[in-house]
Amino acid sequence: MAKTTKADQRVARHVRSRKKFSGSPERPRLAVFRSLKHISAQLIDDSQGITLASASSLEKELSAKGNVGGAKAVGAAIAERAKGKGIKQVVFDRGGFRYHGRVASLAEGAREAGLEF
């Protein structure tokens, strides 16, 4: 039996949750990815397979770090970009990560900036 790493387990959780929901043009999927140093979010229309908007703590104009405060700034940025494209409602995809810490902070920042999920 092959040993599963934490990363493998996260991907398995993500695949399991992706069976239950997908993004549409009216309600795209807000996908979150958290690395050790940074956090990023994308609005994805799964029916066409395209990314509608993205935000990351790597962006110079955001000047956000990968911590909880930076995650909140990334959430606010993705919400502003979504509103610019006329998107108000999304489906939140935590990407197999626990809804805790930076992931929860990103969601909170997006909600405070006007996204509904």
PDB file of N, CA and C in Angstrom:
ATOM      1  N   MET A   1       0.842  -1.173   0.000  1.00  0.00           N
ATOM      2  CA  MET A   1       0.000   0.000   0.000  1.00  0.00           C
ATOM      3  C   MET A   1       0.894   1.246   0.000  1.00  0.00           C
ATOM      4  N   ALA A   2       0.573   2.194  -0.848  1.00  0.00           N
ATOM      5  CA  ALA A   2       1.376   3.408  -0.955  1.00  0.00           C
ATOM      6  C   ALA A   2       1.063   4.337   0.221  1.00  0.00           C
ATOM      7  N   LYS A   3       2.096   4.973   0.711  1.00  0.00           N
ATOM      8  CA  LYS A   3       1.922   5.913   1.811  1.00  0.00           C
ATOM      9  C   LYS A   3       1.323   7.211   1.269  1.00  0.00           C
ATOM     10  N   THR A   4       0.291   7.720   1.922  1.00  0.00           N
ATOM     11  CA  THR A   4      -0.300   8.974   1.481  1.00  0.00           C
ATOM     12  C   THR A   4       0.267  10.116   2.311  1.00  0.00           C
ATOM     13  N   THR A   5       0.626  11.178   1.626  1.00  0.00           N
ATOM     14  CA  THR A   5       1.150  12.359   2.301  1.00  0.00           C
ATOM     15  C   THR A   5      -0.007  13.281   2.667  1.00  0.00           C
ATOM     16  N   LYS A   6       0.282  14.317   3.425  1.00  0.00           N
ATOM     17  CA  LYS A   6      -0.744  15.299   3.759  1.00  0.00           C
ATOM     18  C   LYS A   6      -1.281  15.962   2.507  1.00  0.00           C
ATOM     19  N   ALA A   7      -0.389  16.206   1.546  1.00  0.00           N
ATOM     20  CA  ALA A   7      -0.815  16.826   0.288  1.00  0.00           C
ATOM     21  C   ALA A   7      -1.759  15.906  -0.477  1.00  0.00           C
ATOM     22  N   ASP A   8      -1.469  14.607  -0.489  1.00  0.00           N
ATOM     23  CA  ASP A   8      -2.344  13.639  -1.149  1.00  0.00           C
ATOM     24  C   ASP A   8      -3.715  13.610  -0.480  1.00  0.00           C
ATOM     25  N   GLN A   9      -3.727  13.667   0.841  1.00  0.00           N
ATOM     26  CA  GLN A   9      -4.980  13.656   1.582  1.00  0.00           C
ATOM     27  C   GLN A   9      -5.806  14.901   1.284  1.00  0.00           C
ATOM     28  N   ARG A  10      -5.132  16.068   1.176  1.00  0.00           N
ATOM     29  CA  ARG A  10      -5.832  17.312   0.849  1.00  0.00           C
ATOM     30  C   ARG A  10      -6.460  17.219  -0.534  1.00  0.00           C
ATOM     31  N   VAL A  11      -5.710  16.705  -1.502  1.00  0.00           N
ATOM     32  CA  VAL A  11      -6.234  16.562  -2.863  1.00  0.00           C
ATOM     33  C   VAL A  11      -7.426  15.612  -2.873  1.00  0.00           C
ATOM     34  N   ALA A  12      -7.362  14.538  -2.106  1.00  0.00           N
ATOM     35  CA  ALA A  12      -8.479  13.600  -2.026  1.00  0.00           C
ATOM     36  C   ALA A  12      -9.714  14.285  -1.446  1.00  0.00           C
ATOM     37  N   ARG A  13      -9.534  15.109  -0.411  1.00  0.00           N
ATOM     38  CA  ARG A  13     -10.663  15.853   0.161  1.00  0.00           C
ATOM     39  C   ARG A  13     -11.239  16.815  -0.874  1.00  0.00           C
ATOM     40  N   HIS A  14     -10.359  17.472  -1.638  1.00  0.00           N
ATOM     41  CA  HIS A  14     -10.800  18.418  -2.658  1.00  0.00           C
ATOM     42  C   HIS A  14     -11.602  17.712  -3.750  1.00  0.00           C
ATOM     43  N   VAL A  15     -11.108  16.583  -4.212  1.00  0.00           N
ATOM     44  CA  VAL A  15     -11.812  15.811  -5.240  1.00  0.00           C
ATOM     45  C   VAL A  15     -13.185  15.377  -4.726  1.00  0.00           C
ATOM     46  N   ARG A  16     -13.242  14.937  -3.484  1.00  0.00           N
ATOM     47  CA  ARG A  16     -14.499  14.495  -2.889  1.00  0.00           C
ATOM     48  C   ARG A  16     -15.511  15.640  -2.827  1.00  0.00           C
ATOM     49  N   SER A  17     -15.055  16.827  -2.455  1.00  0.00           N
ATOM     50  CA  SER A  17     -15.977  17.958  -2.359  1.00  0.00           C
ATOM     51  C   SER A  17     -16.375  18.479  -3.731  1.00  0.00           C
ATOM     52  N   ARG A  18     -15.500  18.347  -4.713  1.00  0.00           N
ATOM     53  CA  ARG A  18     -15.794  18.846  -6.062  1.00  0.00           C
ATOM     54  C   ARG A  18     -16.862  18.014  -6.756  1.00  0.00           C
ATOM     55  N   LYS A  19     -17.140  16.819  -6.260  1.00  0.00           N
ATOM     56  CA  LYS A  19     -18.220  16.005  -6.821  1.00  0.00           C
ATOM     57  C   LYS A  19     -19.575  16.636  -6.525  1.00  0.00           C
ATOM     58  N   LYS A  20     -19.633  17.452  -5.479  1.00  0.00           N
ATOM     59  CA  LYS A  20     -20.903  17.972  -4.995  1.00  0.00           C
ATOM     60  C   LYS A  20     -21.263  19.345  -5.556  1.00  0.00           C
ATOM     61  N   PHE A  21     -20.302  20.098  -6.063  1.00  0.00           N
ATOM     62  CA  PHE A  21     -20.604  21.441  -6.579  1.00  0.00           C
ATOM     63  C   PHE A  21     -19.668  21.804  -7.719  1.00  0.00           C
ATOM     64  N   SER A  22     -20.135  22.755  -8.539  1.00  0.00           N
ATOM     65  CA  SER A  22     -19.292  23.288  -9.607  1.00  0.00           C
ATOM     66  C   SER A  22     -19.711  24.722  -9.874  1.00  0.00           C
ATOM     67  N   GLY A  23     -18.836  25.475 -10.504  1.00  0.00           N
ATOM     68  CA  GLY A  23     -19.108  26.872 -10.797  1.00  0.00           C
ATOM     69  C   GLY A  23     -19.865  27.022 -12.100  1.00  0.00           C
ATOM     70  N   SER A  24     -20.697  28.044 -12.169  1.00  0.00           N
ATOM     71  CA  SER A  24     -21.457  28.341 -13.379  1.00  0.00           C
ATOM     72  C   SER A  24     -21.224  29.807 -13.732  1.00  0.00           C
ATOM     73  N   PRO A  25     -21.667  30.246 -14.913  1.00  0.00           N
ATOM     74  CA  PRO A  25     -21.479  31.666 -15.252  1.00  0.00           C
ATOM     75  C   PRO A  25     -22.187  32.601 -14.273  1.00  0.00           C
ATOM     76  N   GLU A  26     -23.374  32.191 -13.777  1.00  0.00           N
ATOM     77  CA  GLU A  26     -24.122  33.046 -12.842  1.00  0.00           C
ATOM     78  C   GLU A  26     -23.522  32.993 -11.439  1.00  0.00           C
ATOM     79  N   ARG A  27     -22.993  31.819 -11.072  1.00  0.00           N
ATOM     80  CA  ARG A  27     -22.458  31.630  -9.722  1.00  0.00           C
ATOM     81  C   ARG A  27     -21.146  30.852  -9.819  1.00  0.00           C
ATOM     82  N   PRO A  28     -20.035  31.548 -10.115  1.00  0.00           N
ATOM     83  CA  PRO A  28     -18.756  30.854 -10.276  1.00  0.00           C
ATOM     84  C   PRO A  28     -18.219  30.319  -8.951  1.00  0.00           C
ATOM     85  N   ARG A  29     -17.229  29.456  -9.068  1.00  0.00           N
ATOM     86  CA  ARG A  29     -16.605  28.825  -7.907  1.00  0.00           C
ATOM     87  C   ARG A  29     -15.442  29.700  -7.439  1.00  0.00           C
ATOM     88  N   LEU A  30     -15.435  30.065  -6.167  1.00  0.00           N
ATOM     89  CA  LEU A  30     -14.328  30.806  -5.559  1.00  0.00           C
ATOM     90  C   LEU A  30     -13.376  29.777  -4.969  1.00  0.00           C
ATOM     91  N   ALA A  31     -12.324  29.454  -5.728  1.00  0.00           N
ATOM     92  CA  ALA A  31     -11.370  28.417  -5.333  1.00  0.00           C
ATOM     93  C   ALA A  31     -10.199  29.062  -4.588  1.00  0.00           C
ATOM     94  N   VAL A  32      -9.855  28.488  -3.450  1.00  0.00           N
ATOM     95  CA  VAL A  32      -8.778  29.007  -2.608  1.00  0.00           C
ATOM     96  C   VAL A  32      -7.610  28.024  -2.637  1.00  0.00           C
ATOM     97  N   PHE A  33      -6.390  28.571  -2.757  1.00  0.00           N
ATOM     98  CA  PHE A  33      -5.195  27.744  -2.617  1.00  0.00           C
ATOM     99  C   PHE A  33      -4.287  28.403  -1.595  1.00  0.00           C
ATOM    100  N   ARG A  34      -3.827  27.607  -0.652  1.00  0.00           N
ATOM    101  CA  ARG A  34      -2.978  28.100   0.427  1.00  0.00           C
ATOM    102  C   ARG A  34      -1.653  27.353   0.362  1.00  0.00           C
ATOM    103  N   SER A  35      -0.567  28.091   0.190  1.00  0.00           N
ATOM    104  CA  SER A  35       0.751  27.473   0.264  1.00  0.00           C
ATOM    105  C   SER A  35       1.358  27.832   1.617  1.00  0.00           C
ATOM    106  N   LEU A  36       2.580  27.451   1.842  1.00  0.00           N
ATOM    107  CA  LEU A  36       3.201  27.758   3.129  1.00  0.00           C
ATOM    108  C   LEU A  36       3.400  29.257   3.324  1.00  0.00           C
ATOM    109  N   LYS A  37       3.682  29.994   2.240  1.00  0.00           N
ATOM    110  CA  LYS A  37       3.962  31.421   2.369  1.00  0.00           C
ATOM    111  C   LYS A  37       2.869  32.335   1.842  1.00  0.00           C
ATOM    112  N   HIS A  38       2.040  31.863   0.921  1.00  0.00           N
ATOM    113  CA  HIS A  38       1.080  32.739   0.254  1.00  0.00           C
ATOM    114  C   HIS A  38      -0.299  32.107   0.177  1.00  0.00           C
ATOM    115  N   ILE A  39      -1.257  32.916  -0.280  1.00  0.00           N
ATOM    116  CA  ILE A  39      -2.620  32.451  -0.479  1.00  0.00           C
ATOM    117  C   ILE A  39      -3.160  33.098  -1.741  1.00  0.00           C
ATOM    118  N   SER A  40      -3.959  32.352  -2.492  1.00  0.00           N
ATOM    119  CA  SER A  40      -4.526  32.900  -3.715  1.00  0.00           C
ATOM    120  C   SER A  40      -5.958  32.419  -3.872  1.00  0.00           C
ATOM    121  N   ALA A  41      -6.724  33.152  -4.688  1.00  0.00           N
ATOM    122  CA  ALA A  41      -8.118  32.812  -4.937  1.00  0.00           C
ATOM    123  C   ALA A  41      -8.430  33.065  -6.402  1.00  0.00           C
ATOM    124  N   GLN A  42      -9.299  32.229  -6.963  1.00  0.00           N
ATOM    125  CA  GLN A  42      -9.732  32.371  -8.349  1.00  0.00           C
ATOM    126  C   GLN A  42     -11.241  32.210  -8.425  1.00  0.00           C
ATOM    127  N   LEU A  43     -11.857  32.957  -9.342  1.00  0.00           N
ATOM    128  CA  LEU A  43     -13.258  32.751  -9.671  1.00  0.00           C
ATOM    129  C   LEU A  43     -13.289  31.941 -10.950  1.00  0.00           C
ATOM    130  N   ILE A  44     -13.870  30.752 -10.892  1.00  0.00           N
ATOM    131  CA  ILE A  44     -13.806  29.815 -12.007  1.00  0.00           C
ATOM    132  C   ILE A  44     -15.213  29.455 -12.488  1.00  0.00           C
ATOM    133  N   ASP A  45     -15.406  29.546 -13.809  1.00  0.00           N
ATOM    134  CA  ASP A  45     -16.625  29.077 -14.455  1.00  0.00           C
ATOM    135  C   ASP A  45     -16.318  27.678 -14.982  1.00  0.00           C
ATOM    136  N   ASP A  46     -16.793  26.648 -14.292  1.00  0.00           N
ATOM    137  CA  ASP A  46     -16.470  25.270 -14.662  1.00  0.00           C
ATOM    138  C   ASP A  46     -17.170  24.809 -15.935  1.00  0.00           C
ATOM    139  N   SER A  47     -18.289  25.449 -16.290  1.00  0.00           N
ATOM    140  CA  SER A  47     -18.992  25.014 -17.498  1.00  0.00           C
ATOM    141  C   SER A  47     -18.169  25.329 -18.746  1.00  0.00           C
ATOM    142  N   GLN A  48     -17.408  26.431 -18.731  1.00  0.00           N
ATOM    143  CA  GLN A  48     -16.551  26.787 -19.858  1.00  0.00           C
ATOM    144  C   GLN A  48     -15.081  26.490 -19.581  1.00  0.00           C
ATOM    145  N   GLY A  49     -14.759  26.237 -18.314  1.00  0.00           N
ATOM    146  CA  GLY A  49     -13.381  25.944 -17.948  1.00  0.00           C
ATOM    147  C   GLY A  49     -12.474  27.153 -17.997  1.00  0.00           C
ATOM    148  N   ILE A  50     -12.996  28.318 -17.582  1.00  0.00           N
ATOM    149  CA  ILE A  50     -12.191  29.536 -17.620  1.00  0.00           C
ATOM    150  C   ILE A  50     -12.144  30.206 -16.245  1.00  0.00           C
ATOM    151  N   THR A  51     -11.056  30.930 -16.028  1.00  0.00           N
ATOM    152  CA  THR A  51     -10.904  31.727 -14.817  1.00  0.00           C
ATOM    153  C   THR A  51     -11.407  33.130 -15.114  1.00  0.00           C
ATOM    154  N   LEU A  52     -12.361  33.597 -14.333  1.00  0.00           N
ATOM    155  CA  LEU A  52     -12.951  34.918 -14.558  1.00  0.00           C
ATOM    156  C   LEU A  52     -12.163  36.022 -13.868  1.00  0.00           C
ATOM    157  N   ALA A  53     -11.605  35.741 -12.703  1.00  0.00           N
ATOM    158  CA  ALA A  53     -10.826  36.724 -11.956  1.00  0.00           C
ATOM    159  C   ALA A  53      -9.937  35.982 -10.967  1.00  0.00           C
ATOM    160  N   SER A  54      -8.860  36.639 -10.559  1.00  0.00           N
ATOM    161  CA  SER A  54      -7.974  36.027  -9.573  1.00  0.00           C
ATOM    162  C   SER A  54      -7.337  37.102  -8.713  1.00  0.00           C
ATOM    163  N   ALA A  55      -6.863  36.696  -7.548  1.00  0.00           N
ATOM    164  CA  ALA A  55      -6.135  37.579  -6.638  1.00  0.00           C
ATOM    165  C   ALA A  55      -5.179  36.712  -5.834  1.00  0.00           C
ATOM    166  N   SER A  56      -4.035  37.280  -5.503  1.00  0.00           N
ATOM    167  CA  SER A  56      -3.026  36.511  -4.786  1.00  0.00           C
ATOM    168  C   SER A  56      -2.219  37.427  -3.881  1.00  0.00           C
ATOM    169  N   SER A  57      -1.665  36.869  -2.826  1.00  0.00           N
ATOM    170  CA  SER A  57      -0.804  37.644  -1.940  1.00  0.00           C
ATOM    171  C   SER A  57       0.545  37.928  -2.600  1.00  0.00           C
ATOM    172  N   LEU A  58       0.796  37.331  -3.750  1.00  0.00           N
ATOM    173  CA  LEU A  58       2.038  37.594  -4.489  1.00  0.00           C
ATOM    174  C   LEU A  58       1.992  38.908  -5.272  1.00  0.00           C
ATOM    175  N   GLU A  59       0.801  39.466  -5.498  1.00  0.00           N
ATOM    176  CA  GLU A  59       0.658  40.660  -6.318  1.00  0.00           C
ATOM    177  C   GLU A  59       1.268  41.880  -5.634  1.00  0.00           C
ATOM    178  N   LYS A  60       2.014  42.663  -6.410  1.00  0.00           N
ATOM    179  CA  LYS A  60       2.674  43.850  -5.864  1.00  0.00           C
ATOM    180  C   LYS A  60       1.662  44.899  -5.405  1.00  0.00           C
ATOM    181  N   GLU A  61       0.597  45.122  -6.202  1.00  0.00           N
ATOM    182  CA  GLU A  61      -0.362  46.170  -5.853  1.00  0.00           C
ATOM    183  C   GLU A  61      -1.158  45.860  -4.587  1.00  0.00           C
ATOM    184  N   LEU A  62      -1.264  44.577  -4.247  1.00  0.00           N
ATOM    185  CA  LEU A  62      -1.940  44.219  -2.997  1.00  0.00           C
ATOM    186  C   LEU A  62      -1.019  44.410  -1.800  1.00  0.00           C
ATOM    187  N   SER A  63       0.254  44.193  -1.995  1.00  0.00           N
ATOM    188  CA  SER A  63       1.272  44.240  -0.940  1.00  0.00           C
ATOM    189  C   SER A  63       0.810  43.478   0.308  1.00  0.00           C
ATOM    190  N   ALA A  64       0.212  42.313   0.065  1.00  0.00           N
ATOM    191  CA  ALA A  64      -0.294  41.474   1.156  1.00  0.00           C
ATOM    192  C   ALA A  64       0.693  40.362   1.429  1.00  0.00           C
ATOM    193  N   LYS A  65       0.764  39.975   2.681  1.00  0.00           N
ATOM    194  CA  LYS A  65       1.569  38.818   3.047  1.00  0.00           C
ATOM    195  C   LYS A  65       0.665  37.595   3.057  1.00  0.00           C
ATOM    196  N   GLY A  66       1.236  36.443   3.290  1.00  0.00           N
ATOM    197  CA  GLY A  66       0.459  35.211   3.302  1.00  0.00           C
ATOM    198  C   GLY A  66      -0.146  34.904   4.654  1.00  0.00           C
ATOM    199  N   ASN A  67      -0.232  35.903   5.535  1.00  0.00           N
ATOM    200  CA  ASN A  67      -0.784  35.663   6.862  1.00  0.00           C
ATOM    201  C   ASN A  67      -2.292  35.934   6.882  1.00  0.00           C
ATOM    202  N   VAL A  68      -2.902  35.930   8.050  1.00  0.00           N
ATOM    203  CA  VAL A  68      -4.347  36.101   8.163  1.00  0.00           C
ATOM    204  C   VAL A  68      -4.786  37.471   7.635  1.00  0.00           C
ATOM    205  N   GLY A  69      -4.035  38.524   7.948  1.00  0.00           N
ATOM    206  CA  GLY A  69      -4.363  39.859   7.439  1.00  0.00           C
ATOM    207  C   GLY A  69      -4.240  39.938   5.925  1.00  0.00           C
ATOM    208  N   GLY A  70      -3.206  39.310   5.398  1.00  0.00           N
ATOM    209  CA  GLY A  70      -3.023  39.281   3.955  1.00  0.00           C
ATOM    210  C   GLY A  70      -4.120  38.502   3.266  1.00  0.00           C
ATOM    211  N   ALA A  71      -4.571  37.418   3.892  1.00  0.00           N
ATOM    212  CA  ALA A  71      -5.646  36.613   3.326  1.00  0.00           C
ATOM    213  C   ALA A  71      -6.938  37.418   3.249  1.00  0.00           C
ATOM    214  N   LYS A  72      -7.180  38.233   4.262  1.00  0.00           N
ATOM    215  CA  LYS A  72      -8.380  39.074   4.265  1.00  0.00           C
ATOM    216  C   LYS A  72      -8.309  40.092   3.136  1.00  0.00           C
ATOM    217  N   ALA A  73      -7.113  40.647   2.894  1.00  0.00           N
ATOM    218  CA  ALA A  73      -6.921  41.601   1.795  1.00  0.00           C
ATOM    219  C   ALA A  73      -7.134  40.927   0.439  1.00  0.00           C
ATOM    220  N   VAL A  74      -6.674  39.690   0.299  1.00  0.00           N
ATOM    221  CA  VAL A  74      -6.869  38.940  -0.944  1.00  0.00           C
ATOM    222  C   VAL A  74      -8.360  38.673  -1.151  1.00  0.00           C
ATOM    223  N   GLY A  75      -9.083  38.341  -0.088  1.00  0.00           N
ATOM    224  CA  GLY A  75     -10.526  38.129  -0.171  1.00  0.00           C
ATOM    225  C   GLY A  75     -11.261  39.384  -0.609  1.00  0.00           C
ATOM    226  N   ALA A  76     -10.858  40.533  -0.062  1.00  0.00           N
ATOM    227  CA  ALA A  76     -11.479  41.794  -0.456  1.00  0.00           C
ATOM    228  C   ALA A  76     -11.170  42.117  -1.913  1.00  0.00           C
ATOM    229  N   ALA A  77      -9.941  41.832  -2.351  1.00  0.00           N
ATOM    230  CA  ALA A  77      -9.539  42.112  -3.729  1.00  0.00           C
ATOM    231  C   ALA A  77     -10.318  41.245  -4.715  1.00  0.00           C
ATOM    232  N   ILE A  78     -10.481  39.974  -4.414  1.00  0.00           N
ATOM    233  CA  ILE A  78     -11.218  39.095  -5.335  1.00  0.00           C
ATOM    234  C   ILE A  78     -12.688  39.514  -5.387  1.00  0.00           C
ATOM    235  N   ALA A  79     -13.242  39.988  -4.269  1.00  0.00           N
ATOM    236  CA  ALA A  79     -14.631  40.452  -4.250  1.00  0.00           C
ATOM    237  C   ALA A  79     -14.795  41.699  -5.102  1.00  0.00           C
ATOM    238  N   GLU A  80     -13.854  42.620  -5.033  1.00  0.00           N
ATOM    239  CA  GLU A  80     -13.914  43.837  -5.853  1.00  0.00           C
ATOM    240  C   GLU A  80     -13.823  43.496  -7.336  1.00  0.00           C
ATOM    241  N   ARG A  81     -12.945  42.572  -7.680  1.00  0.00           N
ATOM    242  CA  ARG A  81     -12.795  42.165  -9.090  1.00  0.00           C
ATOM    243  C   ARG A  81     -14.045  41.447  -9.575  1.00  0.00           C
ATOM    244  N   ALA A  82     -14.681  40.684  -8.684  1.00  0.00           N
ATOM    245  CA  ALA A  82     -15.925  39.999  -9.045  1.00  0.00           C
ATOM    246  C   ALA A  82     -17.038  41.011  -9.289  1.00  0.00           C
ATOM    247  N   LYS A  83     -17.138  42.011  -8.410  1.00  0.00           N
ATOM    248  CA  LYS A  83     -18.172  43.026  -8.578  1.00  0.00           C
ATOM    249  C   LYS A  83     -17.950  43.809  -9.868  1.00  0.00           C
ATOM    250  N   GLY A  84     -16.690  44.009 -10.242  1.00  0.00           N
ATOM    251  CA  GLY A  84     -16.369  44.680 -11.501  1.00  0.00           C
ATOM    252  C   GLY A  84     -16.860  43.908 -12.712  1.00  0.00           C
ATOM    253  N   LYS A  85     -16.992  42.600 -12.576  1.00  0.00           N
ATOM    254  CA  LYS A  85     -17.487  41.746 -13.663  1.00  0.00           C
ATOM    255  C   LYS A  85     -18.966  41.421 -13.498  1.00  0.00           C
ATOM    256  N   GLY A  86     -19.614  42.034 -12.504  1.00  0.00           N
ATOM    257  CA  GLY A  86     -21.046  41.830 -12.302  1.00  0.00           C
ATOM    258  C   GLY A  86     -21.401  40.557 -11.566  1.00  0.00           C
ATOM    259  N   ILE A  87     -20.470  39.999 -10.812  1.00  0.00           N
ATOM    260  CA  ILE A  87     -20.704  38.764 -10.067  1.00  0.00           C
ATOM    261  C   ILE A  87     -20.962  39.119  -8.608  1.00  0.00           C
ATOM    262  N   LYS A  88     -22.096  38.638  -8.083  1.00  0.00           N
ATOM    263  CA  LYS A  88     -22.430  38.911  -6.687  1.00  0.00           C
ATOM    264  C   LYS A  88     -22.445  37.652  -5.837  1.00  0.00           C
ATOM    265  N   GLN A  89     -22.777  36.497  -6.462  1.00  0.00           N
ATOM    266  CA  GLN A  89     -22.871  35.244  -5.710  1.00  0.00           C
ATOM    267  C   GLN A  89     -21.847  34.249  -6.235  1.00  0.00           C
ATOM    268  N   VAL A  90     -21.220  33.523  -5.316  1.00  0.00           N
ATOM    269  CA  VAL A  90     -20.228  32.510  -5.674  1.00  0.00           C
ATOM    270  C   VAL A  90     -20.462  31.248  -4.855  1.00  0.00           C
ATOM    271  N   VAL A  91     -19.801  30.175  -5.272  1.00  0.00           N
ATOM    272  CA  VAL A  91     -19.763  28.935  -4.516  1.00  0.00           C
ATOM    273  C   VAL A  91     -18.361  28.854  -3.927  1.00  0.00           C
ATOM    274  N   PHE A  92     -18.248  28.727  -2.608  1.00  0.00           N
ATOM    275  CA  PHE A  92     -16.933  28.726  -1.964  1.00  0.00           C
ATOM    276  C   PHE A  92     -16.314  27.339  -2.009  1.00  0.00           C
ATOM    277  N   ASP A  93     -15.094  27.262  -2.529  1.00  0.00           N
ATOM    278  CA  ASP A  93     -14.354  26.004  -2.631  1.00  0.00           C
ATOM    279  C   ASP A  93     -13.079  26.156  -1.808  1.00  0.00           C
ATOM    280  N   ARG A  94     -13.040  25.514  -0.657  1.00  0.00           N
ATOM    281  CA  ARG A  94     -11.887  25.663   0.233  1.00  0.00           C
ATOM    282  C   ARG A  94     -10.701  24.830  -0.200  1.00  0.00           C
ATOM    283  N   GLY A  95     -10.824  24.062  -1.262  1.00  0.00           N
ATOM    284  CA  GLY A  95      -9.707  23.330  -1.845  1.00  0.00           C
ATOM    285  C   GLY A  95      -9.167  22.203  -0.995  1.00  0.00           C
ATOM    286  N   GLY A  96      -9.985  21.640  -0.119  1.00  0.00           N
ATOM    287  CA  GLY A  96      -9.525  20.549   0.732  1.00  0.00           C
ATOM    288  C   GLY A  96      -8.843  21.031   2.005  1.00  0.00           C
ATOM    289  N   PHE A  97      -8.679  22.344   2.139  1.00  0.00           N
ATOM    290  CA  PHE A  97      -8.083  22.909   3.355  1.00  0.00           C
ATOM    291  C   PHE A  97      -9.181  23.062   4.403  1.00  0.00           C
ATOM    292  N   ARG A  98      -8.806  23.042   5.677  1.00  0.00           N
ATOM    293  CA  ARG A  98      -9.786  23.264   6.736  1.00  0.00           C
ATOM    294  C   ARG A  98     -10.272  24.705   6.676  1.00  0.00           C
ATOM    295  N   TYR A  99     -11.543  24.919   6.974  1.00  0.00           N
ATOM    296  CA  TYR A  99     -12.105  26.269   7.027  1.00  0.00           C
ATOM    297  C   TYR A  99     -11.682  26.870   8.362  1.00  0.00           C
ATOM    298  N   HIS A 100     -10.472  27.415   8.369  1.00  0.00           N
ATOM    299  CA  HIS A 100      -9.819  27.791   9.612  1.00  0.00           C
ATOM    300  C   HIS A 100      -8.695  28.744   9.257  1.00  0.00           C
ATOM    301  N   GLY A 101      -8.380  29.700  10.097  1.00  0.00           N
ATOM    302  CA  GLY A 101      -7.215  30.553   9.897  1.00  0.00           C
ATOM    303  C   GLY A 101      -7.273  31.369   8.623  1.00  0.00           C
ATOM    304  N   ARG A 102      -6.296  31.170   7.747  1.00  0.00           N
ATOM    305  CA  ARG A 102      -6.170  31.980   6.538  1.00  0.00           C
ATOM    306  C   ARG A 102      -7.315  31.754   5.554  1.00  0.00           C
ATOM    307  N   VAL A 103      -7.795  30.526   5.436  1.00  0.00           N
ATOM    308  CA  VAL A 103      -8.894  30.238   4.513  1.00  0.00           C
ATOM    309  C   VAL A 103     -10.172  30.932   4.998  1.00  0.00           C
ATOM    310  N   ALA A 104     -10.457  30.853   6.280  1.00  0.00           N
ATOM    311  CA  ALA A 104     -11.631  31.511   6.853  1.00  0.00           C
ATOM    312  C   ALA A 104     -11.501  33.024   6.758  1.00  0.00           C
ATOM    313  N   SER A 105     -10.289  33.549   6.921  1.00  0.00           N
ATOM    314  CA  SER A 105     -10.055  34.986   6.832  1.00  0.00           C
ATOM    315  C   SER A 105     -10.293  35.494   5.413  1.00  0.00           C
ATOM    316  N   LEU A 106      -9.866  34.726   4.413  1.00  0.00           N
ATOM    317  CA  LEU A 106     -10.111  35.101   3.022  1.00  0.00           C
ATOM    318  C   LEU A 106     -11.615  35.153   2.760  1.00  0.00           C
ATOM    319  N   ALA A 107     -12.344  34.162   3.237  1.00  0.00           N
ATOM    320  CA  ALA A 107     -13.797  34.126   3.055  1.00  0.00           C
ATOM    321  C   ALA A 107     -14.464  35.318   3.742  1.00  0.00           C
ATOM    322  N   GLU A 108     -13.999  35.632   4.939  1.00  0.00           N
ATOM    323  CA  GLU A 108     -14.556  36.762   5.683  1.00  0.00           C
ATOM    324  C   GLU A 108     -14.314  38.077   4.944  1.00  0.00           C
ATOM    325  N   GLY A 109     -13.092  38.248   4.400  1.00  0.00           N
ATOM    326  CA  GLY A 109     -12.773  39.458   3.634  1.00  0.00           C
ATOM    327  C   GLY A 109     -13.638  39.583   2.395  1.00  0.00           C
ATOM    328  N   ALA A 110     -13.888  38.467   1.721  1.00  0.00           N
ATOM    329  CA  ALA A 110     -14.731  38.496   0.520  1.00  0.00           C
ATOM    330  C   ALA A 110     -16.173  38.830   0.877  1.00  0.00           C
ATOM    331  N   ARG A 111     -16.662  38.275   1.983  1.00  0.00           N
ATOM    332  CA  ARG A 111     -18.039  38.566   2.406  1.00  0.00           C
ATOM    333  C   ARG A 111     -18.193  40.033   2.794  1.00  0.00           C
ATOM    334  N   GLU A 112     -17.218  40.571   3.508  1.00  0.00           N
ATOM    335  CA  GLU A 112     -17.282  41.962   3.938  1.00  0.00           C
ATOM    336  C   GLU A 112     -17.250  42.915   2.750  1.00  0.00           C
ATOM    337  N   ALA A 113     -16.593  42.490   1.656  1.00  0.00           N
ATOM    338  CA  ALA A 113     -16.521  43.338   0.464  1.00  0.00           C
ATOM    339  C   ALA A 113     -17.713  43.157  -0.454  1.00  0.00           C
ATOM    340  N   GLY A 114     -18.666  42.278  -0.083  1.00  0.00           N
ATOM    341  CA  GLY A 114     -19.907  42.206  -0.827  1.00  0.00           C
ATOM    342  C   GLY A 114     -20.239  40.925  -1.550  1.00  0.00           C
ATOM    343  N   LEU A 115     -19.363  39.904  -1.512  1.00  0.00           N
ATOM    344  CA  LEU A 115     -19.689  38.642  -2.159  1.00  0.00           C
ATOM    345  C   LEU A 115     -20.629  37.836  -1.273  1.00  0.00           C
ATOM    346  N   GLU A 116     -21.554  37.106  -1.891  1.00  0.00           N
ATOM    347  CA  GLU A 116     -22.490  36.273  -1.143  1.00  0.00           C
ATOM    348  C   GLU A 116     -22.195  34.804  -1.391  1.00  0.00           C
ATOM    349  N   PHE A 117     -22.039  34.051  -0.310  1.00  0.00           N
ATOM    350  CA  PHE A 117     -21.894  32.583  -0.388  1.00  0.00           C
ATOM    351  C   PHE A 117     -22.176  31.969   0.947  1.00  0.00           C
TER     352      PHE A 117
END
